[in-house]
């Protein structure tokens, strides 16, 4: 992901189990924040969620988001991204949630996925800042 400076690129690799805090906007303009698993596809962050959840509804309606990725070993080292939802897709969303379960849990299947309708949101970083 070219938008992330080299000094912090390790935070978005599959080797680092860094969680992201995803901020979206509610209908009334108030913020909503959720911790999420993520990975990278090309120049996009990939966020996977269940259809109908608050973050799904918010990102589908209002594509502006903010994401904070903190280093799990040093919370004073982080990446802050303001971005835009560039695309959403469902075709490989179930496989993707299992891929994320391997990264974050070390298991082959997401233990919380049972017949859920899932979606992937691709987030394009518009501005990136770092600390630490």
C-alpha atoms as a PDB file:
ATOM      1  CA  UNK A   1       0.000   0.000   0.000  1.00  0.00           C
ATOM      2  CA  UNK A   2       1.848   3.038  -1.315  1.00  0.00           C
ATOM      3  CA  UNK A   3      -0.059   5.584   0.803  1.00  0.00           C
ATOM      4  CA  UNK A   4       1.482   4.189   4.007  1.00  0.00           C
ATOM      5  CA  UNK A   5       5.014   5.430   4.750  1.00  0.00           C
ATOM      6  CA  UNK A   6       7.652   2.698   4.793  1.00  0.00           C
ATOM      7  CA  UNK A   7       8.252   3.362   8.503  1.00  0.00           C
ATOM      8  CA  UNK A   8       4.719   2.139   9.337  1.00  0.00           C
ATOM      9  CA  UNK A   9       4.006  -0.326   6.537  1.00  0.00           C
ATOM     10  CA  UNK A  10       4.527  -3.276   8.893  1.00  0.00           C
ATOM     11  CA  UNK A  11       1.240  -2.338  10.619  1.00  0.00           C
ATOM     12  CA  UNK A  12      -0.779  -3.310   7.542  1.00  0.00           C
ATOM     13  CA  UNK A  13       0.947  -6.630   6.807  1.00  0.00           C
ATOM     14  CA  UNK A  14      -0.489 -10.061   7.524  1.00  0.00           C
ATOM     15  CA  UNK A  15       2.389 -10.645   9.962  1.00  0.00           C
ATOM     16  CA  UNK A  16       1.111  -7.958  12.363  1.00  0.00           C
ATOM     17  CA  UNK A  17      -2.165  -8.593  14.168  1.00  0.00           C
ATOM     18  CA  UNK A  18      -3.022  -4.911  14.435  1.00  0.00           C
ATOM     19  CA  UNK A  19      -6.711  -4.150  14.816  1.00  0.00           C
ATOM     20  CA  UNK A  20      -8.226  -1.127  13.120  1.00  0.00           C
ATOM     21  CA  UNK A  21     -10.703   1.278  14.686  1.00  0.00           C
ATOM     22  CA  UNK A  22     -13.147   2.165  11.926  1.00  0.00           C
ATOM     23  CA  UNK A  23     -15.093   5.425  12.256  1.00  0.00           C
ATOM     24  CA  UNK A  24     -18.200   5.872  10.116  1.00  0.00           C
ATOM     25  CA  UNK A  25     -21.008   8.423  10.107  1.00  0.00           C
ATOM     26  CA  UNK A  26     -24.562   7.743  11.291  1.00  0.00           C
ATOM     27  CA  UNK A  27     -27.643   9.181   9.532  1.00  0.00           C
ATOM     28  CA  UNK A  28     -27.670  12.148  11.922  1.00  0.00           C
ATOM     29  CA  UNK A  29     -23.965  12.878  11.276  1.00  0.00           C
ATOM     30  CA  UNK A  30     -22.735  11.530  14.600  1.00  0.00           C
ATOM     31  CA  UNK A  31     -19.669   9.276  14.577  1.00  0.00           C
ATOM     32  CA  UNK A  32     -19.720   5.527  15.188  1.00  0.00           C
ATOM     33  CA  UNK A  33     -16.517   3.574  15.888  1.00  0.00           C
ATOM     34  CA  UNK A  34     -15.973  -0.189  15.672  1.00  0.00           C
ATOM     35  CA  UNK A  35     -12.835  -2.302  16.102  1.00  0.00           C
ATOM     36  CA  UNK A  36     -12.358  -4.412  12.970  1.00  0.00           C
ATOM     37  CA  UNK A  37     -10.090  -6.940  11.330  1.00  0.00           C
ATOM     38  CA  UNK A  38      -8.613  -5.732   8.063  1.00  0.00           C
ATOM     39  CA  UNK A  39      -6.096  -6.488   5.365  1.00  0.00           C
ATOM     40  CA  UNK A  40      -4.783  -4.819   2.233  1.00  0.00           C
ATOM     41  CA  UNK A  41      -5.610  -5.369  -1.424  1.00  0.00           C
ATOM     42  CA  UNK A  42      -3.353  -3.312  -3.664  1.00  0.00           C
ATOM     43  CA  UNK A  43      -3.771   0.303  -2.551  1.00  0.00           C
ATOM     44  CA  UNK A  44      -6.968  -0.355  -0.584  1.00  0.00           C
ATOM     45  CA  UNK A  45      -7.795  -1.422   2.959  1.00  0.00           C
ATOM     46  CA  UNK A  46     -10.285  -4.287   3.009  1.00  0.00           C
ATOM     47  CA  UNK A  47     -12.912  -4.357   5.745  1.00  0.00           C
ATOM     48  CA  UNK A  48     -15.290  -7.323   5.964  1.00  0.00           C
ATOM     49  CA  UNK A  49     -18.618  -7.171   7.770  1.00  0.00           C
ATOM     50  CA  UNK A  50     -22.068  -8.720   7.954  1.00  0.00           C
ATOM     51  CA  UNK A  51     -24.761  -7.130   5.783  1.00  0.00           C
ATOM     52  CA  UNK A  52     -27.109  -5.046   7.888  1.00  0.00           C
ATOM     53  CA  UNK A  53     -24.669  -4.118  10.651  1.00  0.00           C
ATOM     54  CA  UNK A  54     -24.273  -0.444  11.509  1.00  0.00           C
ATOM     55  CA  UNK A  55     -20.891  -0.082   9.775  1.00  0.00           C
ATOM     56  CA  UNK A  56     -22.308  -1.724   6.635  1.00  0.00           C
ATOM     57  CA  UNK A  57     -25.275   0.631   6.540  1.00  0.00           C
ATOM     58  CA  UNK A  58     -23.118   3.665   7.255  1.00  0.00           C
ATOM     59  CA  UNK A  59     -20.426   2.883   4.659  1.00  0.00           C
ATOM     60  CA  UNK A  60     -23.030   1.996   2.028  1.00  0.00           C
ATOM     61  CA  UNK A  61     -24.828   5.327   2.607  1.00  0.00           C
ATOM     62  CA  UNK A  62     -21.912   7.620   3.411  1.00  0.00           C
ATOM     63  CA  UNK A  63     -18.529   6.580   2.068  1.00  0.00           C
ATOM     64  CA  UNK A  64     -16.301   8.847   4.162  1.00  0.00           C
ATOM     65  CA  UNK A  65     -14.459   6.950   6.905  1.00  0.00           C
ATOM     66  CA  UNK A  66     -11.532   7.288   9.265  1.00  0.00           C
ATOM     67  CA  UNK A  67      -9.351   4.381  10.324  1.00  0.00           C
ATOM     68  CA  UNK A  68      -6.825   4.203  13.147  1.00  0.00           C
ATOM     69  CA  UNK A  69      -4.381   1.278  13.132  1.00  0.00           C
ATOM     70  CA  UNK A  70      -2.379   1.046  16.354  1.00  0.00           C
ATOM     71  CA  UNK A  71       0.759  -1.018  16.808  1.00  0.00           C
ATOM     72  CA  UNK A  72      -0.218  -3.782  19.272  1.00  0.00           C
ATOM     73  CA  UNK A  73       3.263  -3.590  20.840  1.00  0.00           C
ATOM     74  CA  UNK A  74       3.413   0.213  21.086  1.00  0.00           C
ATOM     75  CA  UNK A  75       0.102   2.138  21.259  1.00  0.00           C
ATOM     76  CA  UNK A  76       1.981   5.427  20.712  1.00  0.00           C
ATOM     77  CA  UNK A  77       2.864   4.226  17.193  1.00  0.00           C
ATOM     78  CA  UNK A  78      -0.049   4.319  14.789  1.00  0.00           C
ATOM     79  CA  UNK A  79      -1.425   5.159  11.361  1.00  0.00           C
ATOM     80  CA  UNK A  80      -4.420   7.439  10.918  1.00  0.00           C
ATOM     81  CA  UNK A  81      -6.218   7.240   7.584  1.00  0.00           C
ATOM     82  CA  UNK A  82      -9.063   9.331   6.274  1.00  0.00           C
ATOM     83  CA  UNK A  83     -10.528   7.635   3.269  1.00  0.00           C
ATOM     84  CA  UNK A  84     -13.388   6.906   0.952  1.00  0.00           C
ATOM     85  CA  UNK A  85     -15.212   3.685   0.231  1.00  0.00           C
ATOM     86  CA  UNK A  86     -14.157   2.956  -3.349  1.00  0.00           C
ATOM     87  CA  UNK A  87     -16.107  -0.284  -3.817  1.00  0.00           C
ATOM     88  CA  UNK A  88     -18.054  -2.991  -2.082  1.00  0.00           C
ATOM     89  CA  UNK A  89     -18.467  -6.605  -3.114  1.00  0.00           C
ATOM     90  CA  UNK A  90     -19.962  -9.824  -1.849  1.00  0.00           C
ATOM     91  CA  UNK A  91     -18.586 -12.444  -4.259  1.00  0.00           C
ATOM     92  CA  UNK A  92     -15.511 -13.424  -2.199  1.00  0.00           C
ATOM     93  CA  UNK A  93     -16.575 -12.046   1.201  1.00  0.00           C
ATOM     94  CA  UNK A  94     -17.041 -15.433   2.914  1.00  0.00           C
ATOM     95  CA  UNK A  95     -13.594 -16.624   1.824  1.00  0.00           C
ATOM     96  CA  UNK A  96     -12.155 -13.292   2.938  1.00  0.00           C
ATOM     97  CA  UNK A  97     -13.565 -13.584   6.473  1.00  0.00           C
ATOM     98  CA  UNK A  98     -11.892 -17.000   6.774  1.00  0.00           C
ATOM     99  CA  UNK A  99      -8.614 -15.486   5.534  1.00  0.00           C
ATOM    100  CA  UNK A 100      -8.878 -12.817   8.244  1.00  0.00           C
ATOM    101  CA  UNK A 101      -9.591 -15.512  10.848  1.00  0.00           C
ATOM    102  CA  UNK A 102      -6.282 -17.144   9.887  1.00  0.00           C
ATOM    103  CA  UNK A 103      -4.484 -13.820  10.383  1.00  0.00           C
ATOM    104  CA  UNK A 104      -6.124 -12.836  13.667  1.00  0.00           C
ATOM    105  CA  UNK A 105      -7.062 -16.137  15.304  1.00  0.00           C
ATOM    106  CA  UNK A 106      -4.757 -18.680  13.665  1.00  0.00           C
ATOM    107  CA  UNK A 107      -7.712 -20.848  12.596  1.00  0.00           C
ATOM    108  CA  UNK A 108      -8.867 -21.896   9.134  1.00  0.00           C
ATOM    109  CA  UNK A 109     -12.463 -20.692   9.456  1.00  0.00           C
ATOM    110  CA  UNK A 110     -14.064 -17.707  11.099  1.00  0.00           C
ATOM    111  CA  UNK A 111     -15.820 -19.328  14.090  1.00  0.00           C
ATOM    112  CA  UNK A 112     -18.475 -16.595  14.132  1.00  0.00           C
ATOM    113  CA  UNK A 113     -19.460 -16.996  10.475  1.00  0.00           C
ATOM    114  CA  UNK A 114     -22.459 -19.234  10.074  1.00  0.00           C
ATOM    115  CA  UNK A 115     -24.662 -18.488   7.100  1.00  0.00           C
ATOM    116  CA  UNK A 116     -24.181 -14.730   7.372  1.00  0.00           C
ATOM    117  CA  UNK A 117     -24.446 -12.522   4.329  1.00  0.00           C
ATOM    118  CA  UNK A 118     -21.055 -10.787   4.224  1.00  0.00           C
ATOM    119  CA  UNK A 119     -19.605  -7.859   2.296  1.00  0.00           C
ATOM    120  CA  UNK A 120     -16.126  -6.450   1.706  1.00  0.00           C
ATOM    121  CA  UNK A 121     -15.579  -2.696   1.617  1.00  0.00           C
ATOM    122  CA  UNK A 122     -12.496  -1.386  -0.192  1.00  0.00           C
ATOM    123  CA  UNK A 123     -11.293   1.852   1.360  1.00  0.00           C
ATOM    124  CA  UNK A 124      -9.058   4.216  -0.584  1.00  0.00           C
ATOM    125  CA  UNK A 125      -6.776   6.269   1.692  1.00  0.00           C
ATOM    126  CA  UNK A 126      -7.181   9.973   0.920  1.00  0.00           C
ATOM    127  CA  UNK A 127      -4.924  11.298   3.683  1.00  0.00           C
ATOM    128  CA  UNK A 128      -2.496   9.368   5.855  1.00  0.00           C
ATOM    129  CA  UNK A 129      -0.671  10.512   8.968  1.00  0.00           C
ATOM    130  CA  UNK A 130       1.529   8.590  11.356  1.00  0.00           C
ATOM    131  CA  UNK A 131       2.815   8.843  14.890  1.00  0.00           C
ATOM    132  CA  UNK A 132       5.777   7.147  16.505  1.00  0.00           C
END
